[in-house]
Amino acid sequence: LLSKNEYSRKEKICWQFWEMISLHCKEHRDVNFYAKALNITPYYLSKLSKQFFNDNAKTLIDRQVILKLKELLRTPSNSIQSIADQLNFEDTSYMCRYFKKHTGFTLLQYRKSA
């Protein structure tokens, strides 16, 4: 059993991670960035993430990126290139593959249905 202080410390790390994802997912999609900022290992961050959020750290980061991508796609005046630039994807092709991998839809399919 965890002591109350230990649980609180772990919980605090998780909520800091959660806030950091919202602030930094446009620039940083790798677990190492967040783990380093929190002074813990990527393995430990994923372990805590799984314990408190029922998903590993990378999944939470990707989910937030996809939410931001969907939000930008809902504005027709945002070009695909503009969205890729805003979310720091190296190119539109990679962003298209990333989106399809995580949603099962192409960018255009999603944009038409949104």
Foldseek 3Di string as FASTA:
>chain_A
DDDPVRVVVLVVLLVVLLVVLLVPLLPDLDLCVSCVVSVHHSVVQQVSCCVPVVGGSNVSSLVSLLVLLLVQLLPVVQDLQNSCVRSVPPGSVVVQVSNCVVPVDGSVVSSVVD
